[in-house]
Amino acid sequence: PEARVVALVESDRQRLQEVGDRLAPGQGIPDYTDWAEAIAQPGLEAVVVATPAGTHYPIVRAALAAGLHVLC
């Protein structure tokens, strides 16, 4: 209950808009097409990686190296 969405990441700009409209309408949550830019956000504590399995390693490794909690 204390978790909140602070950013959305999707490489496809149109899909990013659709997801943002569905998950966080009107909340002004930052969105990114580059995951590396998103995990560099100050104050970020955790990430959820929901990508094709072949892309998990670099994203999870970078998030862990940045000291983030990861749910993959």
PDB file of N, CA and C in Angstrom:
ATOM      1  N   PRO A   1       0.800  -1.215   0.000  1.00  0.00           N
ATOM      2  CA  PRO A   1       0.000   0.000   0.000  1.00  0.00           C
ATOM      3  C   PRO A   1       0.842   1.279   0.000  1.00  0.00           C
ATOM      4  N   GLU A   2       2.098   1.171   0.389  1.00  0.00           N
ATOM      5  CA  GLU A   2       2.946   2.349   0.414  1.00  0.00           C
ATOM      6  C   GLU A   2       3.703   2.561  -0.887  1.00  0.00           C
ATOM      7  N   ALA A   3       3.593   1.609  -1.808  1.00  0.00           N
ATOM      8  CA  ALA A   3       4.266   1.740  -3.099  1.00  0.00           C
ATOM      9  C   ALA A   3       3.457   2.653  -4.007  1.00  0.00           C
ATOM     10  N   ARG A   4       4.184   3.367  -4.865  1.00  0.00           N
ATOM     11  CA  ARG A   4       3.494   4.196  -5.851  1.00  0.00           C
ATOM     12  C   ARG A   4       4.301   4.222  -7.141  1.00  0.00           C
ATOM     13  N   VAL A   5       3.612   4.379  -8.235  1.00  0.00           N
ATOM     14  CA  VAL A   5       4.253   4.454  -9.542  1.00  0.00           C
ATOM     15  C   VAL A   5       4.834   5.854  -9.691  1.00  0.00           C
ATOM     16  N   VAL A   6       6.137   5.932  -9.976  1.00  0.00           N
ATOM     17  CA  VAL A   6       6.776   7.231 -10.126  1.00  0.00           C
ATOM     18  C   VAL A   6       7.305   7.454 -11.532  1.00  0.00           C
ATOM     19  N   ALA A   7       7.239   6.413 -12.379  1.00  0.00           N
ATOM     20  CA  ALA A   7       7.670   6.546 -13.773  1.00  0.00           C
ATOM     21  C   ALA A   7       7.168   5.354 -14.565  1.00  0.00           C
ATOM     22  N   LEU A   8       6.995   5.575 -15.853  1.00  0.00           N
ATOM     23  CA  LEU A   8       6.637   4.513 -16.784  1.00  0.00           C
ATOM     24  C   LEU A   8       7.684   4.475 -17.882  1.00  0.00           C
ATOM     25  N   VAL A   9       8.015   3.257 -18.321  1.00  0.00           N
ATOM     26  CA  VAL A   9       8.992   3.102 -19.393  1.00  0.00           C
ATOM     27  C   VAL A   9       8.416   2.170 -20.454  1.00  0.00           C
ATOM     28  N   GLU A  10       8.494   2.611 -21.688  1.00  0.00           N
ATOM     29  CA  GLU A  10       8.047   1.812 -22.845  1.00  0.00           C
ATOM     30  C   GLU A  10       8.756   2.370 -24.066  1.00  0.00           C
ATOM     31  N   SER A  11       9.387   1.503 -24.833  1.00  0.00           N
ATOM     32  CA  SER A  11      10.153   1.978 -25.996  1.00  0.00           C
ATOM     33  C   SER A  11       9.266   2.490 -27.125  1.00  0.00           C
ATOM     34  N   ASP A  12       8.046   2.013 -27.193  1.00  0.00           N
ATOM     35  CA  ASP A  12       7.098   2.445 -28.225  1.00  0.00           C
ATOM     36  C   ASP A  12       6.294   3.628 -27.684  1.00  0.00           C
ATOM     37  N   ARG A  13       6.487   4.806 -28.247  1.00  0.00           N
ATOM     38  CA  ARG A  13       5.866   6.038 -27.748  1.00  0.00           C
ATOM     39  C   ARG A  13       4.337   5.939 -27.716  1.00  0.00           C
ATOM     40  N   GLN A  14       3.720   5.332 -28.735  1.00  0.00           N
ATOM     41  CA  GLN A  14       2.259   5.212 -28.751  1.00  0.00           C
ATOM     42  C   GLN A  14       1.786   4.299 -27.619  1.00  0.00           C
ATOM     43  N   ARG A  15       2.461   3.187 -27.432  1.00  0.00           N
ATOM     44  CA  ARG A  15       2.114   2.261 -26.353  1.00  0.00           C
ATOM     45  C   ARG A  15       2.321   2.939 -24.989  1.00  0.00           C
ATOM     46  N   LEU A  16       3.367   3.735 -24.876  1.00  0.00           N
ATOM     47  CA  LEU A  16       3.632   4.456 -23.632  1.00  0.00           C
ATOM     48  C   LEU A  16       2.456   5.369 -23.289  1.00  0.00           C
ATOM     49  N   GLN A  17       1.940   6.060 -24.272  1.00  0.00           N
ATOM     50  CA  GLN A  17       0.784   6.934 -24.062  1.00  0.00           C
ATOM     51  C   GLN A  17      -0.432   6.125 -23.605  1.00  0.00           C
ATOM     52  N   GLU A  18      -0.668   4.979 -24.255  1.00  0.00           N
ATOM     53  CA  GLU A  18      -1.810   4.128 -23.895  1.00  0.00           C
ATOM     54  C   GLU A  18      -1.686   3.619 -22.461  1.00  0.00           C
ATOM     55  N   VAL A  19      -0.504   3.167 -22.093  1.00  0.00           N
ATOM     56  CA  VAL A  19      -0.289   2.647 -20.741  1.00  0.00           C
ATOM     57  C   VAL A  19      -0.456   3.768 -19.719  1.00  0.00           C
ATOM     58  N   GLY A  20       0.122   4.917 -20.000  1.00  0.00           N
ATOM     59  CA  GLY A  20      -0.016   6.049 -19.093  1.00  0.00           C
ATOM     60  C   GLY A  20      -1.462   6.465 -18.897  1.00  0.00           C
ATOM     61  N   ASP A  21      -2.223   6.476 -19.978  1.00  0.00           N
ATOM     62  CA  ASP A  21      -3.640   6.842 -19.896  1.00  0.00           C
ATOM     63  C   ASP A  21      -4.429   5.840 -19.056  1.00  0.00           C
ATOM     64  N   ARG A  22      -4.030   4.572 -19.135  1.00  0.00           N
ATOM     65  CA  ARG A  22      -4.754   3.529 -18.409  1.00  0.00           C
ATOM     66  C   ARG A  22      -4.324   3.439 -16.941  1.00  0.00           C
ATOM     67  N   LEU A  23      -3.029   3.527 -16.673  1.00  0.00           N
ATOM     68  CA  LEU A  23      -2.535   3.315 -15.318  1.00  0.00           C
ATOM     69  C   LEU A  23      -2.474   4.571 -14.467  1.00  0.00           C
ATOM     70  N   ALA A  24      -2.271   5.701 -15.088  1.00  0.00           N
ATOM     71  CA  ALA A  24      -2.078   6.923 -14.306  1.00  0.00           C
ATOM     72  C   ALA A  24      -2.674   8.133 -15.006  1.00  0.00           C
ATOM     73  N   PRO A  25      -3.952   8.079 -15.332  1.00  0.00           N
ATOM     74  CA  PRO A  25      -4.538   9.217 -16.054  1.00  0.00           C
ATOM     75  C   PRO A  25      -4.493  10.513 -15.257  1.00  0.00           C
ATOM     76  N   GLY A  26      -3.954  11.543 -15.885  1.00  0.00           N
ATOM     77  CA  GLY A  26      -3.933  12.863 -15.286  1.00  0.00           C
ATOM     78  C   GLY A  26      -3.031  13.031 -14.074  1.00  0.00           C
ATOM     79  N   GLN A  27      -2.156  12.077 -13.808  1.00  0.00           N
ATOM     80  CA  GLN A  27      -1.317  12.165 -12.613  1.00  0.00           C
ATOM     81  C   GLN A  27       0.043  12.792 -12.878  1.00  0.00           C
ATOM     82  N   GLY A  28       0.369  13.050 -14.126  1.00  0.00           N
ATOM     83  CA  GLY A  28       1.636  13.691 -14.437  1.00  0.00           C
ATOM     84  C   GLY A  28       2.856  12.848 -14.119  1.00  0.00           C
ATOM     85  N   ILE A  29       2.730  11.542 -14.218  1.00  0.00           N
ATOM     86  CA  ILE A  29       3.848  10.643 -13.942  1.00  0.00           C
ATOM     87  C   ILE A  29       4.822  10.707 -15.114  1.00  0.00           C
ATOM     88  N   PRO A  30       6.110  10.906 -14.841  1.00  0.00           N
ATOM     89  CA  PRO A  30       7.090  10.954 -15.933  1.00  0.00           C
ATOM     90  C   PRO A  30       7.096   9.664 -16.736  1.00  0.00           C
ATOM     91  N   ASP A  31       7.303   9.809 -18.033  1.00  0.00           N
ATOM     92  CA  ASP A  31       7.406   8.612 -18.867  1.00  0.00           C
ATOM     93  C   ASP A  31       8.684   8.673 -19.691  1.00  0.00           C
ATOM     94  N   TYR A  32       9.202   7.508 -19.987  1.00  0.00           N
ATOM     95  CA  TYR A  32      10.481   7.386 -20.670  1.00  0.00           C
ATOM     96  C   TYR A  32      10.403   6.322 -21.752  1.00  0.00           C
ATOM     97  N   THR A  33      11.183   6.512 -22.798  1.00  0.00           N
ATOM     98  CA  THR A  33      11.338   5.459 -23.804  1.00  0.00           C
ATOM     99  C   THR A  33      12.668   4.736 -23.614  1.00  0.00           C
ATOM    100  N   ASP A  34      13.480   5.208 -22.681  1.00  0.00           N
ATOM    101  CA  ASP A  34      14.794   4.623 -22.401  1.00  0.00           C
ATOM    102  C   ASP A  34      14.855   4.219 -20.927  1.00  0.00           C
ATOM    103  N   TRP A  35      14.957   2.921 -20.664  1.00  0.00           N
ATOM    104  CA  TRP A  35      14.953   2.447 -19.278  1.00  0.00           C
ATOM    105  C   TRP A  35      16.157   2.964 -18.489  1.00  0.00           C
ATOM    106  N   ALA A  36      17.305   3.138 -19.145  1.00  0.00           N
ATOM    107  CA  ALA A  36      18.497   3.609 -18.439  1.00  0.00           C
ATOM    108  C   ALA A  36      18.281   5.019 -17.889  1.00  0.00           C
ATOM    109  N   GLU A  37      17.584   5.833 -18.628  1.00  0.00           N
ATOM    110  CA  GLU A  37      17.265   7.186 -18.166  1.00  0.00           C
ATOM    111  C   GLU A  37      16.310   7.124 -16.975  1.00  0.00           C
ATOM    112  N   ALA A  38      15.363   6.209 -17.029  1.00  0.00           N
ATOM    113  CA  ALA A  38      14.373   6.088 -15.961  1.00  0.00           C
ATOM    114  C   ALA A  38      14.997   5.635 -14.650  1.00  0.00           C
ATOM    115  N   ILE A  39      15.920   4.669 -14.701  1.00  0.00           N
ATOM    116  CA  ILE A  39      16.481   4.182 -13.438  1.00  0.00           C
ATOM    117  C   ILE A  39      17.478   5.156 -12.828  1.00  0.00           C
ATOM    118  N   ALA A  40      17.815   6.203 -13.544  1.00  0.00           N
ATOM    119  CA  ALA A  40      18.704   7.229 -13.014  1.00  0.00           C
ATOM    120  C   ALA A  40      17.938   8.301 -12.237  1.00  0.00           C
ATOM    121  N   GLN A  41      16.611   8.180 -12.162  1.00  0.00           N
ATOM    122  CA  GLN A  41      15.787   9.154 -11.438  1.00  0.00           C
ATOM    123  C   GLN A  41      16.208   9.253  -9.983  1.00  0.00           C
ATOM    124  N   PRO A  42      16.432  10.441  -9.464  1.00  0.00           N
ATOM    125  CA  PRO A  42      16.750  10.583  -8.037  1.00  0.00           C
ATOM    126  C   PRO A  42      15.582  10.106  -7.177  1.00  0.00           C
ATOM    127  N   GLY A  43      15.887   9.432  -6.098  1.00  0.00           N
ATOM    128  CA  GLY A  43      14.856   8.989  -5.169  1.00  0.00           C
ATOM    129  C   GLY A  43      14.179   7.690  -5.520  1.00  0.00           C
ATOM    130  N   LEU A  44      14.502   7.119  -6.654  1.00  0.00           N
ATOM    131  CA  LEU A  44      13.908   5.845  -7.052  1.00  0.00           C
ATOM    132  C   LEU A  44      14.420   4.750  -6.127  1.00  0.00           C
ATOM    133  N   GLU A  45      13.533   3.876  -5.663  1.00  0.00           N
ATOM    134  CA  GLU A  45      13.926   2.818  -4.738  1.00  0.00           C
ATOM    135  C   GLU A  45      13.799   1.426  -5.330  1.00  0.00           C
ATOM    136  N   ALA A  46      12.884   1.245  -6.271  1.00  0.00           N
ATOM    137  CA  ALA A  46      12.626  -0.094  -6.801  1.00  0.00           C
ATOM    138  C   ALA A  46      12.104  -0.005  -8.224  1.00  0.00           C
ATOM    139  N   VAL A  47      12.273  -1.096  -8.954  1.00  0.00           N
ATOM    140  CA  VAL A  47      11.752  -1.178 -10.312  1.00  0.00           C
ATOM    141  C   VAL A  47      11.055  -2.519 -10.508  1.00  0.00           C
ATOM    142  N   VAL A  48      10.099  -2.514 -11.409  1.00  0.00           N
ATOM    143  CA  VAL A  48       9.466  -3.746 -11.878  1.00  0.00           C
ATOM    144  C   VAL A  48       9.860  -3.894 -13.329  1.00  0.00           C
ATOM    145  N   VAL A  49      10.479  -5.016 -13.662  1.00  0.00           N
ATOM    146  CA  VAL A  49      10.898  -5.274 -15.033  1.00  0.00           C
ATOM    147  C   VAL A  49       9.899  -6.256 -15.638  1.00  0.00           C
ATOM    148  N   ALA A  50       9.147  -5.790 -16.611  1.00  0.00           N
ATOM    149  CA  ALA A  50       8.154  -6.616 -17.305  1.00  0.00           C
ATOM    150  C   ALA A  50       8.421  -6.491 -18.800  1.00  0.00           C
ATOM    151  N   THR A  51       9.479  -7.156 -19.219  1.00  0.00           N
ATOM    152  CA  THR A  51       9.934  -7.108 -20.607  1.00  0.00           C
ATOM    153  C   THR A  51      10.151  -8.530 -21.101  1.00  0.00           C
ATOM    154  N   PRO A  52      10.368  -8.715 -22.406  1.00  0.00           N
ATOM    155  CA  PRO A  52      10.697 -10.058 -22.895  1.00  0.00           C
ATOM    156  C   PRO A  52      11.928 -10.605 -22.159  1.00  0.00           C
ATOM    157  N   ALA A  53      11.930 -11.890 -21.874  1.00  0.00           N
ATOM    158  CA  ALA A  53      12.983 -12.515 -21.062  1.00  0.00           C
ATOM    159  C   ALA A  53      14.389 -12.219 -21.568  1.00  0.00           C
ATOM    160  N   GLY A  54      14.569 -12.138 -22.860  1.00  0.00           N
ATOM    161  CA  GLY A  54      15.886 -11.877 -23.419  1.00  0.00           C
ATOM    162  C   GLY A  54      16.448 -10.509 -23.087  1.00  0.00           C
ATOM    163  N   THR A  55      15.621  -9.617 -22.582  1.00  0.00           N
ATOM    164  CA  THR A  55      16.085  -8.268 -22.236  1.00  0.00           C
ATOM    165  C   THR A  55      16.302  -8.083 -20.741  1.00  0.00           C
ATOM    166  N   HIS A  56      15.968  -9.073 -19.949  1.00  0.00           N
ATOM    167  CA  HIS A  56      16.026  -8.928 -18.496  1.00  0.00           C
ATOM    168  C   HIS A  56      17.429  -8.632 -17.970  1.00  0.00           C
ATOM    169  N   TYR A  57      18.415  -9.371 -18.408  1.00  0.00           N
ATOM    170  CA  TYR A  57      19.740  -9.286 -17.800  1.00  0.00           C
ATOM    171  C   TYR A  57      20.303  -7.868 -17.748  1.00  0.00           C
ATOM    172  N   PRO A  58      20.397  -7.152 -18.863  1.00  0.00           N
ATOM    173  CA  PRO A  58      21.012  -5.822 -18.763  1.00  0.00           C
ATOM    174  C   PRO A  58      20.210  -4.846 -17.902  1.00  0.00           C
ATOM    175  N   ILE A  59      18.909  -4.965 -17.940  1.00  0.00           N
ATOM    176  CA  ILE A  59      18.070  -4.051 -17.155  1.00  0.00           C
ATOM    177  C   ILE A  59      18.197  -4.360 -15.663  1.00  0.00           C
ATOM    178  N   VAL A  60      18.063  -5.629 -15.311  1.00  0.00           N
ATOM    179  CA  VAL A  60      18.145  -6.031 -13.911  1.00  0.00           C
ATOM    180  C   VAL A  60      19.540  -5.752 -13.354  1.00  0.00           C
ATOM    181  N   ARG A  61      20.562  -6.063 -14.120  1.00  0.00           N
ATOM    182  CA  ARG A  61      21.935  -5.818 -13.664  1.00  0.00           C
ATOM    183  C   ARG A  61      22.152  -4.331 -13.378  1.00  0.00           C
ATOM    184  N   ALA A  62      21.713  -3.472 -14.291  1.00  0.00           N
ATOM    185  CA  ALA A  62      21.884  -2.035 -14.107  1.00  0.00           C
ATOM    186  C   ALA A  62      21.094  -1.531 -12.901  1.00  0.00           C
ATOM    187  N   ALA A  63      19.887  -2.036 -12.724  1.00  0.00           N
ATOM    188  CA  ALA A  63      19.067  -1.615 -11.593  1.00  0.00           C
ATOM    189  C   ALA A  63      19.707  -2.041 -10.267  1.00  0.00           C
ATOM    190  N   LEU A  64      20.202  -3.272 -10.213  1.00  0.00           N
ATOM    191  CA  LEU A  64      20.861  -3.738  -8.994  1.00  0.00           C
ATOM    192  C   LEU A  64      22.140  -2.960  -8.728  1.00  0.00           C
ATOM    193  N   ALA A  65      22.890  -2.666  -9.781  1.00  0.00           N
ATOM    194  CA  ALA A  65      24.124  -1.885  -9.628  1.00  0.00           C
ATOM    195  C   ALA A  65      23.809  -0.484  -9.121  1.00  0.00           C
ATOM    196  N   ALA A  66      22.631   0.021  -9.425  1.00  0.00           N
ATOM    197  CA  ALA A  66      22.216   1.348  -8.965  1.00  0.00           C
ATOM    198  C   ALA A  66      21.641   1.297  -7.551  1.00  0.00           C
ATOM    199  N   GLY A  67      21.631   0.097  -6.947  1.00  0.00           N
ATOM    200  CA  GLY A  67      21.151  -0.044  -5.585  1.00  0.00           C
ATOM    201  C   GLY A  67      19.646  -0.136  -5.456  1.00  0.00           C
ATOM    202  N   LEU A  68      18.958  -0.481  -6.539  1.00  0.00           N
ATOM    203  CA  LEU A  68      17.503  -0.557  -6.539  1.00  0.00           C
ATOM    204  C   LEU A  68      17.021  -1.965  -6.208  1.00  0.00           C
ATOM    205  N   HIS A  69      15.851  -2.047  -5.611  1.00  0.00           N
ATOM    206  CA  HIS A  69      15.172  -3.328  -5.449  1.00  0.00           C
ATOM    207  C   HIS A  69      14.569  -3.671  -6.807  1.00  0.00           C
ATOM    208  N   VAL A  70      14.528  -4.967  -7.143  1.00  0.00           N
ATOM    209  CA  VAL A  70      14.049  -5.366  -8.464  1.00  0.00           C
ATOM    210  C   VAL A  70      13.019  -6.490  -8.333  1.00  0.00           C
ATOM    211  N   LEU A  71      11.899  -6.325  -9.009  1.00  0.00           N
ATOM    212  CA  LEU A  71      10.920  -7.381  -9.203  1.00  0.00           C
ATOM    213  C   LEU A  71      10.900  -7.650 -10.690  1.00  0.00           C
ATOM    214  N   CYS A  72      11.254  -8.862 -11.055  1.00  0.00           N
ATOM    215  CA  CYS A  72      11.341  -9.185 -12.469  1.00  0.00           C
ATOM    216  C   CYS A  72      10.431 -10.356 -12.782  1.00  0.00           C
TER     217      CYS A  72
END
